[in-house]
């Protein structure tokens, strides 16, 4: 995400942007999860960003990375099994 180029960013406001409206109450967390480098961020719109928010975002990010890795490994196993299965 382009915002990662601005690690000292302290406030962002996406009011009126369609993606912000689509994410609604989840905007702050999604922003923190996707741009983990924004440790100095204090406000998203009018919502305060707390240390707990940063910690929750880090945990969520780690869970998503783990789930993605597991899904990729499972897909690779399934593909290998399909490739090695005897032809009928």
PDB file of N, CA and C in Angstrom:
ATOM      1  N   UNK A   1       0.852  -1.176   0.000  1.00  0.00           N
ATOM      2  CA  UNK A   1       0.000   0.000   0.000  1.00  0.00           C
ATOM      3  C   UNK A   1       0.899   1.240   0.000  1.00  0.00           C
ATOM      4  N   UNK A   2       0.541   2.219  -0.752  1.00  0.00           N
ATOM      5  CA  UNK A   2       1.348   3.432  -0.904  1.00  0.00           C
ATOM      6  C   UNK A   2       1.562   4.173   0.409  1.00  0.00           C
ATOM      7  N   UNK A   3       0.652   4.019   1.359  1.00  0.00           N
ATOM      8  CA  UNK A   3       0.802   4.717   2.631  1.00  0.00           C
ATOM      9  C   UNK A   3       2.011   4.244   3.417  1.00  0.00           C
ATOM     10  N   UNK A   4       2.535   3.073   3.109  1.00  0.00           N
ATOM     11  CA  UNK A   4       3.703   2.572   3.830  1.00  0.00           C
ATOM     12  C   UNK A   4       4.926   3.453   3.598  1.00  0.00           C
ATOM     13  N   UNK A   5       4.877   4.294   2.581  1.00  0.00           N
ATOM     14  CA  UNK A   5       5.972   5.230   2.307  1.00  0.00           C
ATOM     15  C   UNK A   5       5.986   6.391   3.290  1.00  0.00           C
ATOM     16  N   UNK A   6       4.960   6.472   4.134  1.00  0.00           N
ATOM     17  CA  UNK A   6       4.830   7.588   5.069  1.00  0.00           C
ATOM     18  C   UNK A   6       4.709   7.077   6.506  1.00  0.00           C
ATOM     19  N   UNK A   7       5.775   6.482   7.047  1.00  0.00           N
ATOM     20  CA  UNK A   7       5.692   5.888   8.384  1.00  0.00           C
ATOM     21  C   UNK A   7       5.429   6.893   9.506  1.00  0.00           C
ATOM     22  N   UNK A   8       5.645   8.164   9.256  1.00  0.00           N
ATOM     23  CA  UNK A   8       5.407   9.179  10.284  1.00  0.00           C
ATOM     24  C   UNK A   8       4.017   9.801  10.193  1.00  0.00           C
ATOM     25  N   UNK A   9       3.189   9.284   9.311  1.00  0.00           N
ATOM     26  CA  UNK A   9       1.823   9.774   9.153  1.00  0.00           C
ATOM     27  C   UNK A   9       1.083   9.638  10.483  1.00  0.00           C
ATOM     28  N   UNK A  10       0.411  10.692  10.898  1.00  0.00           N
ATOM     29  CA  UNK A  10      -0.260  10.687  12.195  1.00  0.00           C
ATOM     30  C   UNK A  10      -1.788  10.673  12.079  1.00  0.00           C
ATOM     31  N   UNK A  11      -2.327  11.204  10.968  1.00  0.00           N
ATOM     32  CA  UNK A  11      -3.774  11.261  10.779  1.00  0.00           C
ATOM     33  C   UNK A  11      -4.117  10.986   9.323  1.00  0.00           C
ATOM     34  N   UNK A  12      -5.201  10.249   9.113  1.00  0.00           N
ATOM     35  CA  UNK A  12      -5.751  10.058   7.773  1.00  0.00           C
ATOM     36  C   UNK A  12      -7.262  10.185   7.855  1.00  0.00           C
ATOM     37  N   UNK A  13      -7.836  10.678   6.777  1.00  0.00           N
ATOM     38  CA  UNK A  13      -9.290  10.816   6.716  1.00  0.00           C
ATOM     39  C   UNK A  13      -9.737  10.445   5.311  1.00  0.00           C
ATOM     40  N   UNK A  14     -10.477   9.374   5.217  1.00  0.00           N
ATOM     41  CA  UNK A  14     -10.953   8.880   3.935  1.00  0.00           C
ATOM     42  C   UNK A  14     -12.433   9.162   3.732  1.00  0.00           C
ATOM     43  N   UNK A  15     -12.956  10.125   4.432  1.00  0.00           N
ATOM     44  CA  UNK A  15     -14.380  10.470   4.321  1.00  0.00           C
ATOM     45  C   UNK A  15     -14.758  10.698   2.866  1.00  0.00           C
ATOM     46  N   UNK A  16     -15.870  10.093   2.474  1.00  0.00           N
ATOM     47  CA  UNK A  16     -16.368  10.277   1.123  1.00  0.00           C
ATOM     48  C   UNK A  16     -15.788   9.330   0.099  1.00  0.00           C
ATOM     49  N   UNK A  17     -14.790   8.549   0.455  1.00  0.00           N
ATOM     50  CA  UNK A  17     -14.220   7.584  -0.480  1.00  0.00           C
ATOM     51  C   UNK A  17     -15.051   6.304  -0.446  1.00  0.00           C
ATOM     52  N   UNK A  18     -15.382   5.764  -1.614  1.00  0.00           N
ATOM     53  CA  UNK A  18     -16.234   4.574  -1.660  1.00  0.00           C
ATOM     54  C   UNK A  18     -15.687   3.394  -0.853  1.00  0.00           C
ATOM     55  N   UNK A  19     -14.374   3.176  -0.901  1.00  0.00           N
ATOM     56  CA  UNK A  19     -13.851   2.035  -0.159  1.00  0.00           C
ATOM     57  C   UNK A  19     -13.992   2.239   1.346  1.00  0.00           C
ATOM     58  N   UNK A  20     -13.912   3.480   1.803  1.00  0.00           N
ATOM     59  CA  UNK A  20     -14.086   3.773   3.230  1.00  0.00           C
ATOM     60  C   UNK A  20     -15.527   3.500   3.637  1.00  0.00           C
ATOM     61  N   UNK A  21     -16.455   3.858   2.779  1.00  0.00           N
ATOM     62  CA  UNK A  21     -17.865   3.600   3.066  1.00  0.00           C
ATOM     63  C   UNK A  21     -18.152   2.100   3.056  1.00  0.00           C
ATOM     64  N   UNK A  22     -17.490   1.380   2.154  1.00  0.00           N
ATOM     65  CA  UNK A  22     -17.681  -0.071   2.062  1.00  0.00           C
ATOM     66  C   UNK A  22     -17.145  -0.773   3.320  1.00  0.00           C
ATOM     67  N   UNK A  23     -15.997  -0.335   3.799  1.00  0.00           N
ATOM     68  CA  UNK A  23     -15.403  -0.950   4.995  1.00  0.00           C
ATOM     69  C   UNK A  23     -16.049  -0.459   6.290  1.00  0.00           C
ATOM     70  N   UNK A  24     -16.613   0.726   6.243  1.00  0.00           N
ATOM     71  CA  UNK A  24     -17.309   1.331   7.389  1.00  0.00           C
ATOM     72  C   UNK A  24     -16.495   1.223   8.669  1.00  0.00           C
ATOM     73  N   UNK A  25     -17.037   0.537   9.660  1.00  0.00           N
ATOM     74  CA  UNK A  25     -16.370   0.450  10.957  1.00  0.00           C
ATOM     75  C   UNK A  25     -15.077  -0.362  10.922  1.00  0.00           C
ATOM     76  N   UNK A  26     -14.865  -1.117   9.882  1.00  0.00           N
ATOM     77  CA  UNK A  26     -13.650  -1.925   9.770  1.00  0.00           C
ATOM     78  C   UNK A  26     -12.474  -1.200   9.135  1.00  0.00           C
ATOM     79  N   UNK A  27     -12.686   0.041   8.722  1.00  0.00           N
ATOM     80  CA  UNK A  27     -11.642   0.782   8.014  1.00  0.00           C
ATOM     81  C   UNK A  27     -10.367   0.910   8.834  1.00  0.00           C
ATOM     82  N   UNK A  28     -10.489   1.318  10.065  1.00  0.00           N
ATOM     83  CA  UNK A  28      -9.304   1.535  10.890  1.00  0.00           C
ATOM     84  C   UNK A  28      -8.483   0.256  11.001  1.00  0.00           C
ATOM     85  N   UNK A  29      -9.147  -0.852  11.316  1.00  0.00           N
ATOM     86  CA  UNK A  29      -8.412  -2.107  11.484  1.00  0.00           C
ATOM     87  C   UNK A  29      -7.786  -2.564  10.182  1.00  0.00           C
ATOM     88  N   UNK A  30      -8.525  -2.481   9.071  1.00  0.00           N
ATOM     89  CA  UNK A  30      -7.966  -2.893   7.782  1.00  0.00           C
ATOM     90  C   UNK A  30      -6.753  -2.048   7.415  1.00  0.00           C
ATOM     91  N   UNK A  31      -6.822  -0.766   7.678  1.00  0.00           N
ATOM     92  CA  UNK A  31      -5.698   0.120   7.397  1.00  0.00           C
ATOM     93  C   UNK A  31      -4.490  -0.290   8.227  1.00  0.00           C
ATOM     94  N   UNK A  32      -4.690  -0.540   9.506  1.00  0.00           N
ATOM     95  CA  UNK A  32      -3.584  -0.935  10.380  1.00  0.00           C
ATOM     96  C   UNK A  32      -3.028  -2.306  10.023  1.00  0.00           C
ATOM     97  N   UNK A  33      -3.896  -3.218   9.609  1.00  0.00           N
ATOM     98  CA  UNK A  33      -3.442  -4.556   9.219  1.00  0.00           C
ATOM     99  C   UNK A  33      -2.615  -4.484   7.941  1.00  0.00           C
ATOM    100  N   UNK A  34      -3.097  -3.751   6.968  1.00  0.00           N
ATOM    101  CA  UNK A  34      -2.435  -3.691   5.660  1.00  0.00           C
ATOM    102  C   UNK A  34      -1.179  -2.826   5.653  1.00  0.00           C
ATOM    103  N   UNK A  35      -1.142  -1.833   6.504  1.00  0.00           N
ATOM    104  CA  UNK A  35       0.015  -0.918   6.529  1.00  0.00           C
ATOM    105  C   UNK A  35       0.578  -0.930   7.949  1.00  0.00           C
ATOM    106  N   UNK A  36       1.189  -2.032   8.312  1.00  0.00           N
ATOM    107  CA  UNK A  36       1.692  -2.249   9.663  1.00  0.00           C
ATOM    108  C   UNK A  36       2.759  -1.222  10.047  1.00  0.00           C
ATOM    109  N   UNK A  37       3.357  -0.590   9.041  1.00  0.00           N
ATOM    110  CA  UNK A  37       4.410   0.395   9.289  1.00  0.00           C
ATOM    111  C   UNK A  37       3.896   1.689   9.913  1.00  0.00           C
ATOM    112  N   UNK A  38       2.585   1.889   9.939  1.00  0.00           N
ATOM    113  CA  UNK A  38       2.016   3.147  10.429  1.00  0.00           C
ATOM    114  C   UNK A  38       1.906   3.170  11.952  1.00  0.00           C
ATOM    115  N   UNK A  39       3.007   2.938  12.636  1.00  0.00           N
ATOM    116  CA  UNK A  39       3.016   2.895  14.099  1.00  0.00           C
ATOM    117  C   UNK A  39       2.744   4.257  14.733  1.00  0.00           C
ATOM    118  N   UNK A  40       2.943   5.347  13.988  1.00  0.00           N
ATOM    119  CA  UNK A  40       2.711   6.692  14.527  1.00  0.00           C
ATOM    120  C   UNK A  40       1.293   7.198  14.282  1.00  0.00           C
ATOM    121  N   UNK A  41       0.491   6.409  13.587  1.00  0.00           N
ATOM    122  CA  UNK A  41      -0.868   6.832  13.264  1.00  0.00           C
ATOM    123  C   UNK A  41      -1.698   6.958  14.540  1.00  0.00           C
ATOM    124  N   UNK A  42      -2.323   8.115  14.716  1.00  0.00           N
ATOM    125  CA  UNK A  42      -3.107   8.387  15.921  1.00  0.00           C
ATOM    126  C   UNK A  42      -4.595   8.563  15.647  1.00  0.00           C
ATOM    127  N   UNK A  43      -4.948   8.926  14.401  1.00  0.00           N
ATOM    128  CA  UNK A  43      -6.360   9.129  14.055  1.00  0.00           C
ATOM    129  C   UNK A  43      -6.660   8.578  12.664  1.00  0.00           C
ATOM    130  N   UNK A  44      -7.783   7.868  12.566  1.00  0.00           N
ATOM    131  CA  UNK A  44      -8.335   7.469  11.274  1.00  0.00           C
ATOM    132  C   UNK A  44      -9.717   8.089  11.246  1.00  0.00           C
ATOM    133  N   UNK A  45      -9.847   9.112  10.425  1.00  0.00           N
ATOM    134  CA  UNK A  45     -11.071   9.898  10.459  1.00  0.00           C
ATOM    135  C   UNK A  45     -11.166  10.565  11.816  1.00  0.00           C
ATOM    136  N   UNK A  46     -12.211  10.281  12.540  1.00  0.00           N
ATOM    137  CA  UNK A  46     -12.363  10.834  13.882  1.00  0.00           C
ATOM    138  C   UNK A  46     -12.082   9.795  14.964  1.00  0.00           C
ATOM    139  N   UNK A  47     -11.659   8.584  14.536  1.00  0.00           N
ATOM    140  CA  UNK A  47     -11.402   7.506  15.491  1.00  0.00           C
ATOM    141  C   UNK A  47      -9.954   7.531  15.960  1.00  0.00           C
ATOM    142  N   UNK A  48      -9.779   7.492  17.264  1.00  0.00           N
ATOM    143  CA  UNK A  48      -8.440   7.420  17.844  1.00  0.00           C
ATOM    144  C   UNK A  48      -7.864   6.029  17.591  1.00  0.00           C
ATOM    145  N   UNK A  49      -6.567   5.983  17.332  1.00  0.00           N
ATOM    146  CA  UNK A  49      -5.857   4.725  17.156  1.00  0.00           C
ATOM    147  C   UNK A  49      -5.052   4.483  18.431  1.00  0.00           C
ATOM    148  N   UNK A  50      -5.345   3.379  19.092  1.00  0.00           N
ATOM    149  CA  UNK A  50      -4.688   3.071  20.358  1.00  0.00           C
ATOM    150  C   UNK A  50      -3.603   2.009  20.177  1.00  0.00           C
ATOM    151  N   UNK A  51      -2.829   1.826  21.214  1.00  0.00           N
ATOM    152  CA  UNK A  51      -1.818   0.770  21.209  1.00  0.00           C
ATOM    153  C   UNK A  51      -2.500  -0.591  21.059  1.00  0.00           C
ATOM    154  N   UNK A  52      -3.663  -0.733  21.672  1.00  0.00           N
ATOM    155  CA  UNK A  52      -4.417  -1.978  21.551  1.00  0.00           C
ATOM    156  C   UNK A  52      -4.825  -2.227  20.098  1.00  0.00           C
ATOM    157  N   UNK A  53      -5.186  -1.160  19.384  1.00  0.00           N
ATOM    158  CA  UNK A  53      -5.518  -1.288  17.961  1.00  0.00           C
ATOM    159  C   UNK A  53      -4.312  -1.795  17.173  1.00  0.00           C
ATOM    160  N   UNK A  54      -3.147  -1.207  17.450  1.00  0.00           N
ATOM    161  CA  UNK A  54      -1.922  -1.636  16.758  1.00  0.00           C
ATOM    162  C   UNK A  54      -1.616  -3.103  17.061  1.00  0.00           C
ATOM    163  N   UNK A  55      -1.761  -3.490  18.316  1.00  0.00           N
ATOM    164  CA  UNK A  55      -1.487  -4.883  18.701  1.00  0.00           C
ATOM    165  C   UNK A  55      -2.474  -5.840  18.051  1.00  0.00           C
ATOM    166  N   UNK A  56      -3.746  -5.481  18.035  1.00  0.00           N
ATOM    167  CA  UNK A  56      -4.765  -6.324  17.403  1.00  0.00           C
ATOM    168  C   UNK A  56      -4.505  -6.446  15.904  1.00  0.00           C
ATOM    169  N   UNK A  57      -4.100  -5.355  15.290  1.00  0.00           N
ATOM    170  CA  UNK A  57      -3.805  -5.380  13.854  1.00  0.00           C
ATOM    171  C   UNK A  57      -2.617  -6.297  13.569  1.00  0.00           C
ATOM    172  N   UNK A  58      -1.614  -6.240  14.417  1.00  0.00           N
ATOM    173  CA  UNK A  58      -0.442  -7.109  14.233  1.00  0.00           C
ATOM    174  C   UNK A  58      -0.850  -8.572  14.341  1.00  0.00           C
ATOM    175  N   UNK A  59      -1.661  -8.906  15.335  1.00  0.00           N
ATOM    176  CA  UNK A  59      -2.130 -10.277  15.505  1.00  0.00           C
ATOM    177  C   UNK A  59      -2.975 -10.724  14.307  1.00  0.00           C
ATOM    178  N   UNK A  60      -3.865  -9.857  13.854  1.00  0.00           N
ATOM    179  CA  UNK A  60      -4.710 -10.174  12.703  1.00  0.00           C
ATOM    180  C   UNK A  60      -3.867 -10.402  11.467  1.00  0.00           C
ATOM    181  N   UNK A  61      -2.877  -9.561  11.264  1.00  0.00           N
ATOM    182  CA  UNK A  61      -1.994  -9.700  10.107  1.00  0.00           C
ATOM    183  C   UNK A  61      -1.258 -11.042  10.150  1.00  0.00           C
ATOM    184  N   UNK A  62      -0.728 -11.387  11.329  1.00  0.00           N
ATOM    185  CA  UNK A  62      -0.010 -12.652  11.475  1.00  0.00           C
ATOM    186  C   UNK A  62      -0.938 -13.846  11.223  1.00  0.00           C
ATOM    187  N   UNK A  63      -2.175 -13.766  11.712  1.00  0.00           N
ATOM    188  CA  UNK A  63      -3.150 -14.836  11.472  1.00  0.00           C
ATOM    189  C   UNK A  63      -3.456 -14.974   9.988  1.00  0.00           C
ATOM    190  N   UNK A  64      -3.609 -13.852   9.296  1.00  0.00           N
ATOM    191  CA  UNK A  64      -3.904 -13.897   7.861  1.00  0.00           C
ATOM    192  C   UNK A  64      -2.740 -14.474   7.074  1.00  0.00           C
ATOM    193  N   UNK A  65      -1.526 -14.103   7.443  1.00  0.00           N
ATOM    194  CA  UNK A  65      -0.336 -14.622   6.765  1.00  0.00           C
ATOM    195  C   UNK A  65      -0.253 -16.131   6.971  1.00  0.00           C
ATOM    196  N   UNK A  66      -0.494 -16.584   8.198  1.00  0.00           N
ATOM    197  CA  UNK A  66      -0.459 -18.014   8.503  1.00  0.00           C
ATOM    198  C   UNK A  66      -1.534 -18.760   7.714  1.00  0.00           C
ATOM    199  N   UNK A  67      -2.749 -18.222   7.693  1.00  0.00           N
ATOM    200  CA  UNK A  67      -3.845 -18.871   6.969  1.00  0.00           C
ATOM    201  C   UNK A  67      -3.541 -18.942   5.474  1.00  0.00           C
ATOM    202  N   UNK A  68      -2.981 -17.886   4.936  1.00  0.00           N
ATOM    203  CA  UNK A  68      -2.642 -17.869   3.509  1.00  0.00           C
ATOM    204  C   UNK A  68      -1.572 -18.915   3.211  1.00  0.00           C
ATOM    205  N   UNK A  69      -0.551 -18.974   4.056  1.00  0.00           N
ATOM    206  CA  UNK A  69       0.527 -19.944   3.860  1.00  0.00           C
ATOM    207  C   UNK A  69      -0.028 -21.373   3.937  1.00  0.00           C
ATOM    208  N   UNK A  70      -0.894 -21.634   4.909  1.00  0.00           N
ATOM    209  CA  UNK A  70      -1.486 -22.964   5.043  1.00  0.00           C
ATOM    210  C   UNK A  70      -2.342 -23.323   3.832  1.00  0.00           C
ATOM    211  N   UNK A  71      -3.101 -22.354   3.331  1.00  0.00           N
ATOM    212  CA  UNK A  71      -3.937 -22.600   2.147  1.00  0.00           C
ATOM    213  C   UNK A  71      -3.070 -22.898   0.926  1.00  0.00           C
ATOM    214  N   UNK A  72      -1.971 -22.168   0.788  1.00  0.00           N
ATOM    215  CA  UNK A  72      -1.061 -22.404  -0.346  1.00  0.00           C
ATOM    216  C   UNK A  72      -0.415 -23.783  -0.247  1.00  0.00           C
ATOM    217  N   UNK A  73      -0.016 -24.169   0.975  1.00  0.00           N
ATOM    218  CA  UNK A  73       0.585 -25.485   1.170  1.00  0.00           C
ATOM    219  C   UNK A  73      -0.421 -26.589   0.867  1.00  0.00           C
ATOM    220  N   UNK A  74      -1.659 -26.414   1.299  1.00  0.00           N
ATOM    221  CA  UNK A  74      -2.704 -27.403   1.039  1.00  0.00           C
ATOM    222  C   UNK A  74      -2.993 -27.502  -0.464  1.00  0.00           C
ATOM    223  N   UNK A  75      -3.028 -26.361  -1.137  1.00  0.00           N
ATOM    224  CA  UNK A  75      -3.256 -26.373  -2.588  1.00  0.00           C
ATOM    225  C   UNK A  75      -2.109 -27.075  -3.307  1.00  0.00           C
ATOM    226  N   UNK A  76      -0.891 -26.847  -2.856  1.00  0.00           N
ATOM    227  CA  UNK A  76       0.263 -27.511  -3.468  1.00  0.00           C
ATOM    228  C   UNK A  76       0.204 -29.020  -3.232  1.00  0.00           C
ATOM    229  N   UNK A  77      -0.191 -29.439  -2.010  1.00  0.00           N
ATOM    230  CA  UNK A  77      -0.335 -30.873  -1.716  1.00  0.00           C
ATOM    231  C   UNK A  77      -1.415 -31.497  -2.606  1.00  0.00           C
ATOM    232  N   UNK A  78      -2.539 -30.811  -2.720  1.00  0.00           N
ATOM    233  CA  UNK A  78      -3.637 -31.333  -3.538  1.00  0.00           C
ATOM    234  C   UNK A  78      -3.225 -31.439  -4.997  1.00  0.00           C
ATOM    235  N   UNK A  79      -2.487 -30.464  -5.487  1.00  0.00           N
ATOM    236  CA  UNK A  79      -2.030 -30.493  -6.877  1.00  0.00           C
ATOM    237  C   UNK A  79      -1.049 -31.638  -7.088  1.00  0.00           C
ATOM    238  N   UNK A  80      -0.159 -31.847  -6.114  1.00  0.00           N
ATOM    239  CA  UNK A  80       0.808 -32.939  -6.228  1.00  0.00           C
ATOM    240  C   UNK A  80       0.099 -34.289  -6.201  1.00  0.00           C
ATOM    241  N   UNK A  81      -0.886 -34.427  -5.333  1.00  0.00           N
ATOM    242  CA  UNK A  81      -1.643 -35.680  -5.267  1.00  0.00           C
ATOM    243  C   UNK A  81      -2.393 -35.928  -6.571  1.00  0.00           C
ATOM    244  N   UNK A  82      -2.979 -34.896  -7.117  1.00  0.00           N
ATOM    245  CA  UNK A  82      -3.724 -35.037  -8.377  1.00  0.00           C
ATOM    246  C   UNK A  82      -2.779 -35.425  -9.514  1.00  0.00           C
ATOM    247  N   UNK A  83      -1.602 -34.852  -9.485  1.00  0.00           N
ATOM    248  CA  UNK A  83      -0.621 -35.138 -10.525  1.00  0.00           C
ATOM    249  C   UNK A  83      -0.111 -36.577 -10.425  1.00  0.00           C
ATOM    250  N   UNK A  84      -0.004 -37.097  -9.216  1.00  0.00           N
ATOM    251  CA  UNK A  84       0.523 -38.440  -8.994  1.00  0.00           C
ATOM    252  C   UNK A  84      -0.548 -39.512  -8.950  1.00  0.00           C
ATOM    253  N   UNK A  85      -1.793 -39.118  -9.029  1.00  0.00           N
ATOM    254  CA  UNK A  85      -2.886 -40.087  -9.004  1.00  0.00           C
ATOM    255  C   UNK A  85      -2.891 -40.911 -10.284  1.00  0.00           C
ATOM    256  N   UNK A  86      -3.171 -42.189 -10.145  1.00  0.00           N
ATOM    257  CA  UNK A  86      -3.219 -43.032 -11.362  1.00  0.00           C
ATOM    258  C   UNK A  86      -4.379 -42.607 -12.259  1.00  0.00           C
ATOM    259  N   UNK A  87      -4.129 -42.675 -13.528  1.00  0.00           N
ATOM    260  CA  UNK A  87      -5.166 -42.326 -14.520  1.00  0.00           C
ATOM    261  C   UNK A  87      -6.218 -43.422 -14.526  1.00  0.00           C
ATOM    262  N   UNK A  88      -7.451 -43.026 -14.666  1.00  0.00           N
ATOM    263  CA  UNK A  88      -8.551 -44.010 -14.690  1.00  0.00           C
ATOM    264  C   UNK A  88      -8.876 -44.416 -16.088  1.00  0.00           C
TER     265      UNK A  88
END
